[in-house]
Amino acid sequence: MQRIETTADVEAGLVELIAADPRLAPVAEIAGPLPLRRRAGGFEGLASIITYQQISTAAADSIWGRLHAAIDPFTAERFLKASEEDFRAAGLSRPKIQTLTALAQSCRDGLDLDGLHALTADEAMAAMLALRGVGPWTAEIYLLSCVGHADIFPAGDLALQGAVQHGLGLDGRPGEKATRAIAAAWSPWRAVAARLFWAYYRARREAAGGAGKAAATPW
């Protein structure tokens, strides 16, 4: 299974995408160079994504900073030794404490998060969704940005849905199911297609003078 490790991998995937779907050529012209969008994986990488779920980036930055300072080194074993007072002081909600604790226990017991790149997209997603508290968006963002899986497309992401609508000239913004169906044609490089449409979304917002409202996510 292809793994995206460098910008050269992204560029190679983009060439194949455009050859397979010429509609993406004008999208790529507007998007410009695509970022690698890779970050550290493992327990720390997934814990970071879970921490950022469903709250503002500013709030998540503060919580993650306090949590990371309290748990050093940030490993599953060290996390399990921390107290609930540590978690509360960092600002973690009870559901996130429960999710992160279950994740830390799984990692301590042998869960190989980095090995997920060797699985097909469906297999990798199934393995992720089996983890307590991990939903599709969290799983897809982890597989794309932390594992470097080449064939993942976060179809529930609203920015991607809007970019696909505009970039392909659709009448309305496709929902998650429709976006996923559209993206199926971009396999086995769906993660590069996601990078393409995120970059396209940002480029259009910047051109319209809305860069401040379209700040990039940490992913």
Foldseek 3Di string as FASTA:
>chain_A
DDFQDDLVSLVVLVVVLCVLPVLCVVLDVLLDRFDSLADAADLLNLLLLLLPPPDDPVLSVQLNVQLVVVQPPPALVSLLVDDVVSNVVSPDDPQSNVQSNQSSVVVVVPDDLLVLLVDAPVVQQVVQVVRPPDDLQSSLSNCVHHNRRQAGASLQDQQLQVLCCVSNVNPDRDHSVVSVVVLVSSPPRSSSVNSSSLSSSLSVCVVVVNNVVSDDDSD
